[in-house]
Amino acid sequence: MNAVRNRKGETCEEQLRRMVKDIANDITSGEGDAAKWMEDTYDIRYLVDREKRYMGAEIMVAGGGPTIWVNTYTKEVEGYWGGDKVTEPFIDEIGLDDYCEEMYGY
């Protein structure tokens, strides 16, 4: 049985891998700033310790088909689609974690 492919000829896993890598590259490139980057996100979950001190955030950047989260604690972009899971590390060159910590503001 042949895998379903999109218009670019990619399987779901290949498309997910490309999307996750593109998001990681955007954060690592250092172009733009965190506030602008956050405008197109869907949700944010804060990771805190038992004293409610900020440790990191999980930011949902895609949902409905693939689900993609940017995890500022692990410094990884995590993508899920069906049974596929893809992770890609990033370097926070746009100040995303600092921005999220400021937004948490506990």
C-alpha atoms as a PDB file:
ATOM      1  CA  MET A   1       0.000   0.000   0.000  1.00  0.00           C
ATOM      2  CA  ASN A   2       1.388   3.404  -0.943  1.00  0.00           C
ATOM      3  CA  ALA A   3       1.616   6.197   1.620  1.00  0.00           C
ATOM      4  CA  VAL A   4      -0.632   9.216   1.084  1.00  0.00           C
ATOM      5  CA  ARG A   5       1.359  12.174  -0.229  1.00  0.00           C
ATOM      6  CA  ASN A   6       0.635  15.898  -0.298  1.00  0.00           C
ATOM      7  CA  ARG A   7       1.065  18.219  -3.295  1.00  0.00           C
ATOM      8  CA  LYS A   8       4.809  18.396  -2.648  1.00  0.00           C
ATOM      9  CA  GLY A   9       5.000  14.593  -2.785  1.00  0.00           C
ATOM     10  CA  GLU A  10       5.609  14.311   0.967  1.00  0.00           C
ATOM     11  CA  THR A  11       4.151  11.691   3.279  1.00  0.00           C
ATOM     12  CA  CYS A  12       2.525  12.914   6.503  1.00  0.00           C
ATOM     13  CA  GLU A  13       5.705  12.067   8.418  1.00  0.00           C
ATOM     14  CA  GLU A  14       7.900  13.949   5.920  1.00  0.00           C
ATOM     15  CA  GLN A  15       5.585  16.957   6.021  1.00  0.00           C
ATOM     16  CA  LEU A  16       5.592  16.907   9.834  1.00  0.00           C
ATOM     17  CA  ARG A  17       9.392  16.665   9.897  1.00  0.00           C
ATOM     18  CA  ARG A  18       9.670  19.659   7.529  1.00  0.00           C
ATOM     19  CA  MET A  19       7.208  21.751   9.530  1.00  0.00           C
ATOM     20  CA  VAL A  20       8.942  21.015  12.842  1.00  0.00           C
ATOM     21  CA  LYS A  21      12.373  21.764  11.360  1.00  0.00           C
ATOM     22  CA  ASP A  22      11.123  25.055   9.849  1.00  0.00           C
ATOM     23  CA  ILE A  23       9.754  26.198  13.222  1.00  0.00           C
ATOM     24  CA  ALA A  24      13.002  25.280  15.001  1.00  0.00           C
ATOM     25  CA  ASN A  25      14.993  27.148  12.328  1.00  0.00           C
ATOM     26  CA  ASP A  26      12.778  30.248  12.699  1.00  0.00           C
ATOM     27  CA  ILE A  27      13.477  30.405  16.439  1.00  0.00           C
ATOM     28  CA  THR A  28      17.190  29.665  15.991  1.00  0.00           C
ATOM     29  CA  SER A  29      17.698  32.199  13.174  1.00  0.00           C
ATOM     30  CA  GLY A  30      17.204  35.127  15.535  1.00  0.00           C
ATOM     31  CA  GLU A  31      15.176  37.051  12.954  1.00  0.00           C
ATOM     32  CA  GLY A  32      12.216  38.847  14.445  1.00  0.00           C
ATOM     33  CA  ASP A  33      11.202  38.972  18.074  1.00  0.00           C
ATOM     34  CA  ALA A  34       9.238  36.804  20.464  1.00  0.00           C
ATOM     35  CA  ALA A  35       6.210  39.118  20.699  1.00  0.00           C
ATOM     36  CA  LYS A  36       5.697  39.059  16.937  1.00  0.00           C
ATOM     37  CA  TRP A  37       6.347  35.306  16.784  1.00  0.00           C
ATOM     38  CA  MET A  38       3.726  34.647  19.482  1.00  0.00           C
ATOM     39  CA  GLU A  39       0.961  36.410  17.497  1.00  0.00           C
ATOM     40  CA  ASP A  40       0.197  33.264  15.466  1.00  0.00           C
ATOM     41  CA  THR A  41       0.184  30.763  18.342  1.00  0.00           C
ATOM     42  CA  TYR A  42      -2.877  28.874  19.587  1.00  0.00           C
ATOM     43  CA  ASP A  43      -2.209  28.130  23.242  1.00  0.00           C
ATOM     44  CA  ILE A  44       0.410  28.260  25.977  1.00  0.00           C
ATOM     45  CA  ARG A  45       0.988  25.994  28.959  1.00  0.00           C
ATOM     46  CA  TYR A  46       3.345  27.127  31.698  1.00  0.00           C
ATOM     47  CA  LEU A  47       5.701  24.700  33.401  1.00  0.00           C
ATOM     48  CA  VAL A  48       6.210  25.699  37.027  1.00  0.00           C
ATOM     49  CA  ASP A  49       7.759  24.099  40.091  1.00  0.00           C
ATOM     50  CA  ARG A  50       5.854  23.474  43.318  1.00  0.00           C
ATOM     51  CA  GLU A  51       6.627  27.011  44.446  1.00  0.00           C
ATOM     52  CA  LYS A  52       4.934  28.237  41.231  1.00  0.00           C
ATOM     53  CA  ARG A  53       8.242  29.533  39.877  1.00  0.00           C
ATOM     54  CA  TYR A  54       8.441  29.637  36.095  1.00  0.00           C
ATOM     55  CA  MET A  55      10.514  26.852  34.525  1.00  0.00           C
ATOM     56  CA  GLY A  56       9.421  27.017  30.890  1.00  0.00           C
ATOM     57  CA  ALA A  57       6.460  26.985  28.558  1.00  0.00           C
ATOM     58  CA  GLU A  58       4.847  24.797  25.940  1.00  0.00           C
ATOM     59  CA  ILE A  59       3.468  26.851  23.069  1.00  0.00           C
ATOM     60  CA  MET A  60       0.999  25.313  20.615  1.00  0.00           C
ATOM     61  CA  VAL A  61       1.777  26.513  17.112  1.00  0.00           C
ATOM     62  CA  ALA A  62      -0.285  24.030  15.066  1.00  0.00           C
ATOM     63  CA  GLY A  63      -3.316  21.875  15.715  1.00  0.00           C
ATOM     64  CA  GLY A  64      -6.079  20.084  13.912  1.00  0.00           C
ATOM     65  CA  GLY A  65      -3.889  18.144  11.476  1.00  0.00           C
ATOM     66  CA  PRO A  66      -0.463  17.957  12.883  1.00  0.00           C
ATOM     67  CA  THR A  67      -0.146  19.188  16.455  1.00  0.00           C
ATOM     68  CA  ILE A  68       3.085  21.072  17.101  1.00  0.00           C
ATOM     69  CA  TRP A  69       4.345  22.414  20.429  1.00  0.00           C
ATOM     70  CA  VAL A  70       7.426  24.540  21.093  1.00  0.00           C
ATOM     71  CA  ASN A  71       8.850  23.553  24.472  1.00  0.00           C
ATOM     72  CA  THR A  72      11.080  26.288  25.934  1.00  0.00           C
ATOM     73  CA  TYR A  73      12.061  24.059  28.872  1.00  0.00           C
ATOM     74  CA  THR A  74      13.513  21.241  26.752  1.00  0.00           C
ATOM     75  CA  LYS A  75      14.416  23.591  23.862  1.00  0.00           C
ATOM     76  CA  GLU A  76      12.676  21.298  21.386  1.00  0.00           C
ATOM     77  CA  VAL A  77       9.911  21.599  18.842  1.00  0.00           C
ATOM     78  CA  GLU A  78       7.639  18.561  19.238  1.00  0.00           C
ATOM     79  CA  GLY A  79       5.348  17.488  16.404  1.00  0.00           C
ATOM     80  CA  TYR A  80       2.649  14.825  16.438  1.00  0.00           C
ATOM     81  CA  TRP A  81       0.514  13.563  13.563  1.00  0.00           C
ATOM     82  CA  GLY A  82      -1.352  10.289  13.788  1.00  0.00           C
ATOM     83  CA  GLY A  83       1.216   7.803  15.079  1.00  0.00           C
ATOM     84  CA  ASP A  84       4.197   9.933  14.043  1.00  0.00           C
ATOM     85  CA  LYS A  85       6.263  11.983  16.482  1.00  0.00           C
ATOM     86  CA  VAL A  86       9.116  14.281  15.456  1.00  0.00           C
ATOM     87  CA  THR A  87      11.335  16.455  17.660  1.00  0.00           C
ATOM     88  CA  GLU A  88      13.879  19.061  16.618  1.00  0.00           C
ATOM     89  CA  PRO A  89      16.138  21.036  18.977  1.00  0.00           C
ATOM     90  CA  PHE A  90      16.381  24.815  18.742  1.00  0.00           C
ATOM     91  CA  ILE A  91      18.457  27.649  20.153  1.00  0.00           C
ATOM     92  CA  ASP A  92      16.273  30.452  21.500  1.00  0.00           C
ATOM     93  CA  GLU A  93      17.715  33.412  19.616  1.00  0.00           C
ATOM     94  CA  ILE A  94      14.468  35.439  19.693  1.00  0.00           C
ATOM     95  CA  GLY A  95      14.036  35.553  23.484  1.00  0.00           C
ATOM     96  CA  LEU A  96      10.982  33.302  23.453  1.00  0.00           C
ATOM     97  CA  ASP A  97      11.587  31.822  26.906  1.00  0.00           C
ATOM     98  CA  ASP A  98      12.204  35.255  28.441  1.00  0.00           C
ATOM     99  CA  TYR A  99       9.013  36.533  26.806  1.00  0.00           C
ATOM    100  CA  CYS A 100       6.993  33.605  28.165  1.00  0.00           C
ATOM    101  CA  GLU A 101       8.425  34.081  31.638  1.00  0.00           C
ATOM    102  CA  GLU A 102       7.418  37.733  31.526  1.00  0.00           C
ATOM    103  CA  MET A 103       3.912  36.768  30.326  1.00  0.00           C
ATOM    104  CA  TYR A 104       3.613  34.274  33.218  1.00  0.00           C
ATOM    105  CA  GLY A 105       4.399  37.090  35.616  1.00  0.00           C
ATOM    106  CA  TYR A 106       3.748  35.248  38.853  1.00  0.00           C
END
